[in-house]
Every structure is written in structure tokens, then in C-alpha cells.
mmCIF file of all heavy atoms, coordinates in Angstrom:
data_MODEL
# 
_entry.id   MODEL 
# 
loop_
_atom_site.group_PDB 
_atom_site.id 
_atom_site.type_symbol 
_atom_site.label_atom_id 
_atom_site.label_alt_id 
_atom_site.label_comp_id 
_atom_site.label_asym_id 
_atom_site.label_entity_id 
_atom_site.label_seq_id 
_atom_site.pdbx_PDB_ins_code 
_atom_site.Cartn_x 
_atom_site.Cartn_y 
_atom_site.Cartn_z 
_atom_site.occupancy 
_atom_site.B_iso_or_equiv 
_atom_site.pdbx_formal_charge 
_atom_site.auth_seq_id 
_atom_site.auth_comp_id 
_atom_site.auth_asym_id 
_atom_site.auth_atom_id 
_atom_site.pdbx_PDB_model_num 
ATOM 1   N N   . MET A 1 1  ? 116.011 198.963 -27.481 1.00 0.00 ? 1  MET A N   1 
ATOM 2   C CA  . MET A 1 1  ? 115.034 199.548 -26.680 1.00 0.00 ? 1  MET A CA  1 
ATOM 3   C C   . MET A 1 1  ? 114.776 198.553 -25.469 1.00 0.00 ? 1  MET A C   1 
ATOM 4   O O   . MET A 1 1  ? 114.617 199.064 -24.301 1.00 0.00 ? 1  MET A O   1 
ATOM 5   C CB  . MET A 1 1  ? 113.737 199.744 -27.487 1.00 0.00 ? 1  MET A CB  1 
ATOM 6   C CG  . MET A 1 1  ? 113.921 200.812 -28.576 1.00 0.00 ? 1  MET A CG  1 
ATOM 7   S SD  . MET A 1 1  ? 112.103 200.937 -29.401 1.00 0.00 ? 1  MET A SD  1 
ATOM 8   C CE  . MET A 1 1  ? 112.646 202.188 -30.658 1.00 0.00 ? 1  MET A CE  1 
ATOM 9   N N   . LYS A 1 2  ? 114.746 197.397 -25.583 1.00 0.00 ? 2  LYS A N   1 
ATOM 10  C CA  . LYS A 1 2  ? 114.385 196.386 -24.528 1.00 0.00 ? 2  LYS A CA  1 
ATOM 11  C C   . LYS A 1 2  ? 115.569 196.388 -23.597 1.00 0.00 ? 2  LYS A C   1 
ATOM 12  O O   . LYS A 1 2  ? 115.243 196.146 -22.295 1.00 0.00 ? 2  LYS A O   1 
ATOM 13  C CB  . LYS A 1 2  ? 114.258 194.932 -25.272 1.00 0.00 ? 2  LYS A CB  1 
ATOM 14  C CG  . LYS A 1 2  ? 113.817 193.963 -24.106 1.00 0.00 ? 2  LYS A CG  1 
ATOM 15  C CD  . LYS A 1 2  ? 113.657 192.517 -24.807 1.00 0.00 ? 2  LYS A CD  1 
ATOM 16  C CE  . LYS A 1 2  ? 113.315 191.576 -23.858 1.00 0.00 ? 2  LYS A CE  1 
ATOM 17  N NZ  . LYS A 1 2  ? 112.967 190.231 -24.523 1.00 0.00 ? 2  LYS A NZ  1 
ATOM 18  N N   . GLU A 1 3  ? 116.705 196.561 -24.070 1.00 0.00 ? 3  GLU A N   1 
ATOM 19  C CA  . GLU A 1 3  ? 117.906 196.609 -23.117 1.00 0.00 ? 3  GLU A CA  1 
ATOM 20  C C   . GLU A 1 3  ? 117.977 197.880 -22.329 1.00 0.00 ? 3  GLU A C   1 
ATOM 21  O O   . GLU A 1 3  ? 118.983 198.124 -21.519 1.00 0.00 ? 3  GLU A O   1 
ATOM 22  C CB  . GLU A 1 3  ? 119.186 196.359 -23.959 1.00 0.00 ? 3  GLU A CB  1 
ATOM 23  C CG  . GLU A 1 3  ? 119.388 195.004 -24.519 1.00 0.00 ? 3  GLU A CG  1 
ATOM 24  C CD  . GLU A 1 3  ? 119.527 193.983 -23.353 1.00 0.00 ? 3  GLU A CD  1 
ATOM 25  O OE1 . GLU A 1 3  ? 120.334 194.187 -22.548 1.00 0.00 ? 3  GLU A OE1 1 
ATOM 26  O OE2 . GLU A 1 3  ? 118.593 193.068 -23.422 1.00 0.00 ? 3  GLU A OE2 1 
ATOM 27  N N   . GLY A 1 4  ? 117.172 198.840 -22.567 1.00 0.00 ? 4  GLY A N   1 
ATOM 28  C CA  . GLY A 1 4  ? 117.200 200.174 -21.948 1.00 0.00 ? 4  GLY A CA  1 
ATOM 29  C C   . GLY A 1 4  ? 118.133 201.159 -22.283 1.00 0.00 ? 4  GLY A C   1 
ATOM 30  O O   . GLY A 1 4  ? 118.485 202.096 -21.535 1.00 0.00 ? 4  GLY A O   1 
ATOM 31  N N   . LEU A 1 5  ? 118.587 200.900 -23.479 1.00 0.00 ? 5  LEU A N   1 
ATOM 32  C CA  . LEU A 1 5  ? 119.647 201.929 -24.036 1.00 0.00 ? 5  LEU A CA  1 
ATOM 33  C C   . LEU A 1 5  ? 119.021 203.081 -24.679 1.00 0.00 ? 5  LEU A C   1 
ATOM 34  O O   . LEU A 1 5  ? 119.787 204.056 -24.998 1.00 0.00 ? 5  LEU A O   1 
ATOM 35  C CB  . LEU A 1 5  ? 120.468 201.129 -25.043 1.00 0.00 ? 5  LEU A CB  1 
ATOM 36  C CG  . LEU A 1 5  ? 121.231 199.812 -24.581 1.00 0.00 ? 5  LEU A CG  1 
ATOM 37  C CD1 . LEU A 1 5  ? 121.904 199.145 -25.711 1.00 0.00 ? 5  LEU A CD1 1 
ATOM 38  C CD2 . LEU A 1 5  ? 122.234 200.196 -23.394 1.00 0.00 ? 5  LEU A CD2 1 
ATOM 39  N N   . ILE A 1 6  ? 117.706 203.170 -24.880 1.00 0.00 ? 6  ILE A N   1 
ATOM 40  C CA  . ILE A 1 6  ? 117.146 204.266 -25.587 1.00 0.00 ? 6  ILE A CA  1 
ATOM 41  C C   . ILE A 1 6  ? 116.187 205.041 -24.695 1.00 0.00 ? 6  ILE A C   1 
ATOM 42  O O   . ILE A 1 6  ? 115.324 204.536 -24.074 1.00 0.00 ? 6  ILE A O   1 
ATOM 43  C CB  . ILE A 1 6  ? 116.421 203.802 -26.799 1.00 0.00 ? 6  ILE A CB  1 
ATOM 44  C CG1 . ILE A 1 6  ? 117.271 202.883 -27.696 1.00 0.00 ? 6  ILE A CG1 1 
ATOM 45  C CG2 . ILE A 1 6  ? 115.768 205.014 -27.634 1.00 0.00 ? 6  ILE A CG2 1 
ATOM 46  C CD1 . ILE A 1 6  ? 118.447 203.587 -28.319 1.00 0.00 ? 6  ILE A CD1 1 
ATOM 47  N N   . ASN A 1 7  ? 116.339 206.428 -24.630 1.00 0.00 ? 7  ASN A N   1 
ATOM 48  C CA  . ASN A 1 7  ? 115.523 207.337 -23.995 1.00 0.00 ? 7  ASN A CA  1 
ATOM 49  C C   . ASN A 1 7  ? 114.555 208.097 -24.748 1.00 0.00 ? 7  ASN A C   1 
ATOM 50  O O   . ASN A 1 7  ? 113.492 208.592 -24.355 1.00 0.00 ? 7  ASN A O   1 
ATOM 51  C CB  . ASN A 1 7  ? 116.331 208.262 -23.027 1.00 0.00 ? 7  ASN A CB  1 
ATOM 52  C CG  . ASN A 1 7  ? 117.207 207.627 -22.091 1.00 0.00 ? 7  ASN A CG  1 
ATOM 53  O OD1 . ASN A 1 7  ? 118.529 207.526 -22.401 1.00 0.00 ? 7  ASN A OD1 1 
ATOM 54  N ND2 . ASN A 1 7  ? 116.751 207.090 -20.971 1.00 0.00 ? 7  ASN A ND2 1 
ATOM 55  N N   . ALA A 1 8  ? 114.927 208.222 -26.042 1.00 0.00 ? 8  ALA A N   1 
ATOM 56  C CA  . ALA A 1 8  ? 114.064 208.908 -27.072 1.00 0.00 ? 8  ALA A CA  1 
ATOM 57  C C   . ALA A 1 8  ? 114.386 208.572 -28.501 1.00 0.00 ? 8  ALA A C   1 
ATOM 58  O O   . ALA A 1 8  ? 115.601 208.195 -28.777 1.00 0.00 ? 8  ALA A O   1 
ATOM 59  C CB  . ALA A 1 8  ? 114.252 210.554 -26.839 1.00 0.00 ? 8  ALA A CB  1 
ATOM 60  N N   . VAL A 1 9  ? 113.447 208.578 -29.289 1.00 0.00 ? 9  VAL A N   1 
ATOM 61  C CA  . VAL A 1 9  ? 113.741 208.413 -30.789 1.00 0.00 ? 9  VAL A CA  1 
ATOM 62  C C   . VAL A 1 9  ? 113.509 209.742 -31.442 1.00 0.00 ? 9  VAL A C   1 
ATOM 63  O O   . VAL A 1 9  ? 112.629 210.566 -31.253 1.00 0.00 ? 9  VAL A O   1 
ATOM 64  C CB  . VAL A 1 9  ? 112.689 207.474 -31.468 1.00 0.00 ? 9  VAL A CB  1 
ATOM 65  C CG1 . VAL A 1 9  ? 112.930 207.224 -32.910 1.00 0.00 ? 9  VAL A CG1 1 
ATOM 66  C CG2 . VAL A 1 9  ? 112.816 206.079 -30.615 1.00 0.00 ? 9  VAL A CG2 1 
ATOM 67  N N   . LEU A 1 10 ? 114.485 210.152 -32.237 1.00 0.00 ? 10 LEU A N   1 
ATOM 68  C CA  . LEU A 1 10 ? 114.523 211.418 -33.067 1.00 0.00 ? 10 LEU A CA  1 
ATOM 69  C C   . LEU A 1 10 ? 114.591 211.041 -34.504 1.00 0.00 ? 10 LEU A C   1 
ATOM 70  O O   . LEU A 1 10 ? 115.437 210.470 -35.062 1.00 0.00 ? 10 LEU A O   1 
ATOM 71  C CB  . LEU A 1 10 ? 115.706 212.330 -32.759 1.00 0.00 ? 10 LEU A CB  1 
ATOM 72  C CG  . LEU A 1 10 ? 115.822 212.686 -31.230 1.00 0.00 ? 10 LEU A CG  1 
ATOM 73  C CD1 . LEU A 1 10 ? 117.076 213.735 -31.251 1.00 0.00 ? 10 LEU A CD1 1 
ATOM 74  C CD2 . LEU A 1 10 ? 114.639 213.535 -30.755 1.00 0.00 ? 10 LEU A CD2 1 
ATOM 75  N N   . VAL A 1 11 ? 113.433 211.461 -35.339 1.00 0.00 ? 11 VAL A N   1 
ATOM 76  C CA  . VAL A 1 11 ? 113.377 211.168 -36.722 1.00 0.00 ? 11 VAL A CA  1 
ATOM 77  C C   . VAL A 1 11 ? 113.072 212.489 -37.429 1.00 0.00 ? 11 VAL A C   1 
ATOM 78  O O   . VAL A 1 11 ? 112.222 213.314 -36.888 1.00 0.00 ? 11 VAL A O   1 
ATOM 79  C CB  . VAL A 1 11 ? 112.570 210.109 -37.145 1.00 0.00 ? 11 VAL A CB  1 
ATOM 80  C CG1 . VAL A 1 11 ? 112.911 208.725 -36.486 1.00 0.00 ? 11 VAL A CG1 1 
ATOM 81  C CG2 . VAL A 1 11 ? 110.914 210.372 -36.728 1.00 0.00 ? 11 VAL A CG2 1 
ATOM 82  N N   . GLY A 1 12 ? 113.448 212.703 -38.688 1.00 0.00 ? 12 GLY A N   1 
ATOM 83  C CA  . GLY A 1 12 ? 113.021 213.684 -39.533 1.00 0.00 ? 12 GLY A CA  1 
ATOM 84  C C   . GLY A 1 12 ? 111.838 213.403 -40.370 1.00 0.00 ? 12 GLY A C   1 
ATOM 85  O O   . GLY A 1 12 ? 111.339 212.228 -40.234 1.00 0.00 ? 12 GLY A O   1 
ATOM 86  N N   . CYS A 1 13 ? 111.256 214.226 -41.083 1.00 0.00 ? 13 CYS A N   1 
ATOM 87  C CA  . CYS A 1 13 ? 110.111 213.831 -41.976 1.00 0.00 ? 13 CYS A CA  1 
ATOM 88  C C   . CYS A 1 13 ? 110.055 214.690 -43.280 1.00 0.00 ? 13 CYS A C   1 
ATOM 89  O O   . CYS A 1 13 ? 110.747 215.869 -43.360 1.00 0.00 ? 13 CYS A O   1 
ATOM 90  C CB  . CYS A 1 13 ? 108.721 214.256 -41.158 1.00 0.00 ? 13 CYS A CB  1 
ATOM 91  S SG  . CYS A 1 13 ? 108.434 215.925 -40.896 1.00 0.00 ? 13 CYS A SG  1 
ATOM 92  N N   . ASP A 1 14 ? 109.346 214.159 -44.236 1.00 0.00 ? 14 ASP A N   1 
ATOM 93  C CA  . ASP A 1 14 ? 109.323 214.806 -45.496 1.00 0.00 ? 14 ASP A CA  1 
ATOM 94  C C   . ASP A 1 14 ? 107.882 215.583 -45.580 1.00 0.00 ? 14 ASP A C   1 
ATOM 95  O O   . ASP A 1 14 ? 107.702 216.452 -46.366 1.00 0.00 ? 14 ASP A O   1 
ATOM 96  C CB  . ASP A 1 14 ? 109.513 213.859 -46.642 1.00 0.00 ? 14 ASP A CB  1 
ATOM 97  C CG  . ASP A 1 14 ? 110.939 213.749 -46.983 1.00 0.00 ? 14 ASP A CG  1 
ATOM 98  O OD1 . ASP A 1 14 ? 111.686 213.205 -46.017 1.00 0.00 ? 14 ASP A OD1 1 
ATOM 99  O OD2 . ASP A 1 14 ? 111.365 213.887 -47.995 1.00 0.00 ? 14 ASP A OD2 1 
ATOM 100 N N   . ARG A 1 15 ? 106.990 215.134 -44.916 1.00 0.00 ? 15 ARG A N   1 
ATOM 101 C CA  . ARG A 1 15 ? 105.601 215.746 -45.015 1.00 0.00 ? 15 ARG A CA  1 
ATOM 102 C C   . ARG A 1 15 ? 104.867 215.445 -43.726 1.00 0.00 ? 15 ARG A C   1 
ATOM 103 O O   . ARG A 1 15 ? 104.973 214.339 -43.185 1.00 0.00 ? 15 ARG A O   1 
ATOM 104 C CB  . ARG A 1 15 ? 104.897 215.170 -46.270 1.00 0.00 ? 15 ARG A CB  1 
ATOM 105 C CG  . ARG A 1 15 ? 103.706 215.973 -46.811 1.00 0.00 ? 15 ARG A CG  1 
ATOM 106 C CD  . ARG A 1 15 ? 103.294 215.355 -48.128 1.00 0.00 ? 15 ARG A CD  1 
ATOM 107 N NE  . ARG A 1 15 ? 102.216 216.213 -48.743 1.00 0.00 ? 15 ARG A NE  1 
ATOM 108 C CZ  . ARG A 1 15 ? 101.623 215.936 -49.841 1.00 0.00 ? 15 ARG A CZ  1 
ATOM 109 N NH1 . ARG A 1 15 ? 101.999 214.812 -50.508 1.00 0.00 ? 15 ARG A NH1 1 
ATOM 110 N NH2 . ARG A 1 15 ? 100.692 216.724 -50.365 1.00 0.00 ? 15 ARG A NH2 1 
ATOM 111 N N   . VAL A 1 16 ? 103.994 216.456 -43.330 1.00 0.00 ? 16 VAL A N   1 
ATOM 112 C CA  . VAL A 1 16 ? 103.119 216.277 -42.222 1.00 0.00 ? 16 VAL A CA  1 
ATOM 113 C C   . VAL A 1 16 ? 101.735 216.573 -42.734 1.00 0.00 ? 16 VAL A C   1 
ATOM 114 O O   . VAL A 1 16 ? 101.447 217.651 -43.207 1.00 0.00 ? 16 VAL A O   1 
ATOM 115 C CB  . VAL A 1 16 ? 103.513 217.188 -41.056 1.00 0.00 ? 16 VAL A CB  1 
ATOM 116 C CG1 . VAL A 1 16 ? 102.564 217.074 -39.831 1.00 0.00 ? 16 VAL A CG1 1 
ATOM 117 C CG2 . VAL A 1 16 ? 104.976 217.018 -40.667 1.00 0.00 ? 16 VAL A CG2 1 
ATOM 118 N N   . ALA A 1 17 ? 100.821 215.573 -42.511 1.00 0.00 ? 17 ALA A N   1 
ATOM 119 C CA  . ALA A 1 17 ? 99.462  215.809 -42.773 1.00 0.00 ? 17 ALA A CA  1 
ATOM 120 C C   . ALA A 1 17 ? 98.766  216.743 -41.742 1.00 0.00 ? 17 ALA A C   1 
ATOM 121 O O   . ALA A 1 17 ? 99.223  216.871 -40.609 1.00 0.00 ? 17 ALA A O   1 
ATOM 122 C CB  . ALA A 1 17 ? 98.631  214.635 -42.862 1.00 0.00 ? 17 ALA A CB  1 
ATOM 123 N N   . ALA A 1 18 ? 97.559  217.226 -42.073 1.00 0.00 ? 18 ALA A N   1 
ATOM 124 C CA  . ALA A 1 18 ? 96.829  218.159 -41.010 1.00 0.00 ? 18 ALA A CA  1 
ATOM 125 C C   . ALA A 1 18 ? 96.541  217.500 -39.779 1.00 0.00 ? 18 ALA A C   1 
ATOM 126 O O   . ALA A 1 18 ? 96.449  218.045 -38.677 1.00 0.00 ? 18 ALA A O   1 
ATOM 127 C CB  . ALA A 1 18 ? 95.642  218.658 -41.870 1.00 0.00 ? 18 ALA A CB  1 
ATOM 128 N N   . ASN A 1 19 ? 96.308  216.164 -39.743 1.00 0.00 ? 19 ASN A N   1 
ATOM 129 C CA  . ASN A 1 19 ? 95.964  215.464 -38.495 1.00 0.00 ? 19 ASN A CA  1 
ATOM 130 C C   . ASN A 1 19 ? 97.244  215.003 -37.852 1.00 0.00 ? 19 ASN A C   1 
ATOM 131 O O   . ASN A 1 19 ? 97.028  214.300 -36.774 1.00 0.00 ? 19 ASN A O   1 
ATOM 132 C CB  . ASN A 1 19 ? 95.071  214.208 -38.907 1.00 0.00 ? 19 ASN A CB  1 
ATOM 133 C CG  . ASN A 1 19 ? 95.836  213.113 -39.538 1.00 0.00 ? 19 ASN A CG  1 
ATOM 134 O OD1 . ASN A 1 19 ? 96.856  213.409 -40.226 1.00 0.00 ? 19 ASN A OD1 1 
ATOM 135 N ND2 . ASN A 1 19 ? 95.359  211.918 -39.520 1.00 0.00 ? 19 ASN A ND2 1 
ATOM 136 N N   . GLY A 1 20 ? 98.496  215.260 -38.392 1.00 0.00 ? 20 GLY A N   1 
ATOM 137 C CA  . GLY A 1 20 ? 99.591  214.848 -37.678 1.00 0.00 ? 20 GLY A CA  1 
ATOM 138 C C   . GLY A 1 20 ? 100.262 213.548 -38.103 1.00 0.00 ? 20 GLY A C   1 
ATOM 139 O O   . GLY A 1 20 ? 101.319 213.261 -37.616 1.00 0.00 ? 20 GLY A O   1 
ATOM 140 N N   . ASP A 1 21 ? 99.673  212.993 -39.036 1.00 0.00 ? 21 ASP A N   1 
ATOM 141 C CA  . ASP A 1 21 ? 100.337 211.726 -39.660 1.00 0.00 ? 21 ASP A CA  1 
ATOM 142 C C   . ASP A 1 21 ? 101.628 212.309 -40.435 1.00 0.00 ? 21 ASP A C   1 
ATOM 143 O O   . ASP A 1 21 ? 101.512 213.340 -41.071 1.00 0.00 ? 21 ASP A O   1 
ATOM 144 C CB  . ASP A 1 21 ? 99.398  211.071 -40.728 1.00 0.00 ? 21 ASP A CB  1 
ATOM 145 C CG  . ASP A 1 21 ? 98.229  210.300 -39.968 1.00 0.00 ? 21 ASP A CG  1 
ATOM 146 O OD1 . ASP A 1 21 ? 98.324  210.081 -38.859 1.00 0.00 ? 21 ASP A OD1 1 
ATOM 147 O OD2 . ASP A 1 21 ? 97.281  209.914 -40.742 1.00 0.00 ? 21 ASP A OD2 1 
ATOM 148 N N   . THR A 1 22 ? 102.725 211.476 -40.467 1.00 0.00 ? 22 THR A N   1 
ATOM 149 C CA  . THR A 1 22 ? 103.886 211.973 -41.032 1.00 0.00 ? 22 THR A CA  1 
ATOM 150 C C   . THR A 1 22 ? 104.390 211.044 -42.085 1.00 0.00 ? 22 THR A C   1 
ATOM 151 O O   . THR A 1 22 ? 104.446 209.801 -41.925 1.00 0.00 ? 22 THR A O   1 
ATOM 152 C CB  . THR A 1 22 ? 104.865 212.267 -40.104 1.00 0.00 ? 22 THR A CB  1 
ATOM 153 O OG1 . THR A 1 22 ? 105.301 211.123 -39.298 1.00 0.00 ? 22 THR A OG1 1 
ATOM 154 C CG2 . THR A 1 22 ? 104.491 213.373 -39.081 1.00 0.00 ? 22 THR A CG2 1 
ATOM 155 N N   . ALA A 1 23 ? 105.039 211.690 -43.132 1.00 0.00 ? 23 ALA A N   1 
ATOM 156 C CA  . ALA A 1 23 ? 105.721 210.747 -44.151 1.00 0.00 ? 23 ALA A CA  1 
ATOM 157 C C   . ALA A 1 23 ? 107.224 210.771 -43.899 1.00 0.00 ? 23 ALA A C   1 
ATOM 158 O O   . ALA A 1 23 ? 107.918 211.794 -43.705 1.00 0.00 ? 23 ALA A O   1 
ATOM 159 C CB  . ALA A 1 23 ? 105.495 211.296 -45.460 1.00 0.00 ? 23 ALA A CB  1 
ATOM 160 N N   . ASN A 1 24 ? 107.830 209.542 -43.374 1.00 0.00 ? 24 ASN A N   1 
ATOM 161 C CA  . ASN A 1 24 ? 109.061 209.466 -43.042 1.00 0.00 ? 24 ASN A CA  1 
ATOM 162 C C   . ASN A 1 24 ? 109.709 208.359 -43.896 1.00 0.00 ? 24 ASN A C   1 
ATOM 163 O O   . ASN A 1 24 ? 109.146 207.602 -44.618 1.00 0.00 ? 24 ASN A O   1 
ATOM 164 C CB  . ASN A 1 24 ? 109.116 208.970 -41.531 1.00 0.00 ? 24 ASN A CB  1 
ATOM 165 C CG  . ASN A 1 24 ? 108.277 209.843 -40.562 1.00 0.00 ? 24 ASN A CG  1 
ATOM 166 O OD1 . ASN A 1 24 ? 107.185 209.398 -40.418 1.00 0.00 ? 24 ASN A OD1 1 
ATOM 167 N ND2 . ASN A 1 24 ? 108.862 210.802 -40.066 1.00 0.00 ? 24 ASN A ND2 1 
ATOM 168 N N   . LYS A 1 25 ? 111.154 208.314 -43.771 1.00 0.00 ? 25 LYS A N   1 
ATOM 169 C CA  . LYS A 1 25 ? 111.715 207.200 -44.528 1.00 0.00 ? 25 LYS A CA  1 
ATOM 170 C C   . LYS A 1 25 ? 111.183 205.885 -44.184 1.00 0.00 ? 25 LYS A C   1 
ATOM 171 O O   . LYS A 1 25 ? 110.866 205.625 -43.075 1.00 0.00 ? 25 LYS A O   1 
ATOM 172 C CB  . LYS A 1 25 ? 113.278 207.351 -44.117 1.00 0.00 ? 25 LYS A CB  1 
ATOM 173 C CG  . LYS A 1 25 ? 114.177 206.315 -44.901 1.00 0.00 ? 25 LYS A CG  1 
ATOM 174 C CD  . LYS A 1 25 ? 114.169 206.502 -46.360 1.00 0.00 ? 25 LYS A CD  1 
ATOM 175 C CE  . LYS A 1 25 ? 114.884 205.324 -47.021 1.00 0.00 ? 25 LYS A CE  1 
ATOM 176 N NZ  . LYS A 1 25 ? 114.855 205.546 -48.500 1.00 0.00 ? 25 LYS A NZ  1 
ATOM 177 N N   . ILE A 1 26 ? 111.336 204.983 -45.146 1.00 0.00 ? 26 ILE A N   1 
ATOM 178 C CA  . ILE A 1 26 ? 110.694 203.685 -44.898 1.00 0.00 ? 26 ILE A CA  1 
ATOM 179 C C   . ILE A 1 26 ? 111.147 202.996 -43.758 1.00 0.00 ? 26 ILE A C   1 
ATOM 180 O O   . ILE A 1 26 ? 112.442 202.953 -43.563 1.00 0.00 ? 26 ILE A O   1 
ATOM 181 C CB  . ILE A 1 26 ? 110.759 202.832 -46.283 1.00 0.00 ? 26 ILE A CB  1 
ATOM 182 C CG1 . ILE A 1 26 ? 109.949 201.530 -46.185 1.00 0.00 ? 26 ILE A CG1 1 
ATOM 183 C CG2 . ILE A 1 26 ? 112.287 202.482 -46.515 1.00 0.00 ? 26 ILE A CG2 1 
ATOM 184 C CD1 . ILE A 1 26 ? 108.533 201.709 -46.273 1.00 0.00 ? 26 ILE A CD1 1 
ATOM 185 N N   . GLY A 1 27 ? 110.322 202.321 -42.951 1.00 0.00 ? 27 GLY A N   1 
ATOM 186 C CA  . GLY A 1 27 ? 110.771 201.660 -41.773 1.00 0.00 ? 27 GLY A CA  1 
ATOM 187 C C   . GLY A 1 27 ? 110.630 202.485 -40.504 1.00 0.00 ? 27 GLY A C   1 
ATOM 188 O O   . GLY A 1 27 ? 110.631 201.927 -39.426 1.00 0.00 ? 27 GLY A O   1 
ATOM 189 N N   . THR A 1 28 ? 110.344 203.790 -40.613 1.00 0.00 ? 28 THR A N   1 
ATOM 190 C CA  . THR A 1 28 ? 110.113 204.701 -39.404 1.00 0.00 ? 28 THR A CA  1 
ATOM 191 C C   . THR A 1 28 ? 108.891 204.392 -38.721 1.00 0.00 ? 28 THR A C   1 
ATOM 192 O O   . THR A 1 28 ? 109.039 204.322 -37.544 1.00 0.00 ? 28 THR A O   1 
ATOM 193 C CB  . THR A 1 28 ? 110.058 206.152 -39.849 1.00 0.00 ? 28 THR A CB  1 
ATOM 194 O OG1 . THR A 1 28 ? 111.325 206.474 -40.597 1.00 0.00 ? 28 THR A OG1 1 
ATOM 195 C CG2 . THR A 1 28 ? 109.893 207.054 -38.580 1.00 0.00 ? 28 THR A CG2 1 
# 
């Protein structure tokens, strides 16, 4: 990221709470 190599992060999820908090693989 610091080197400017990343324009976006894409991750999947297993669960989304009503307020938009998400359960993702550990480390996400």
C-alpha cells in the first residue's frame, strides 16, 4: 500500500450485521 501498488481492497465476508459490521477471515 505504501509503495502505491494498491488501488482497492476486495474481500469476501461470511456475515454482515445490520449496522454494516462484517465478519471476515481473521486478519481482514
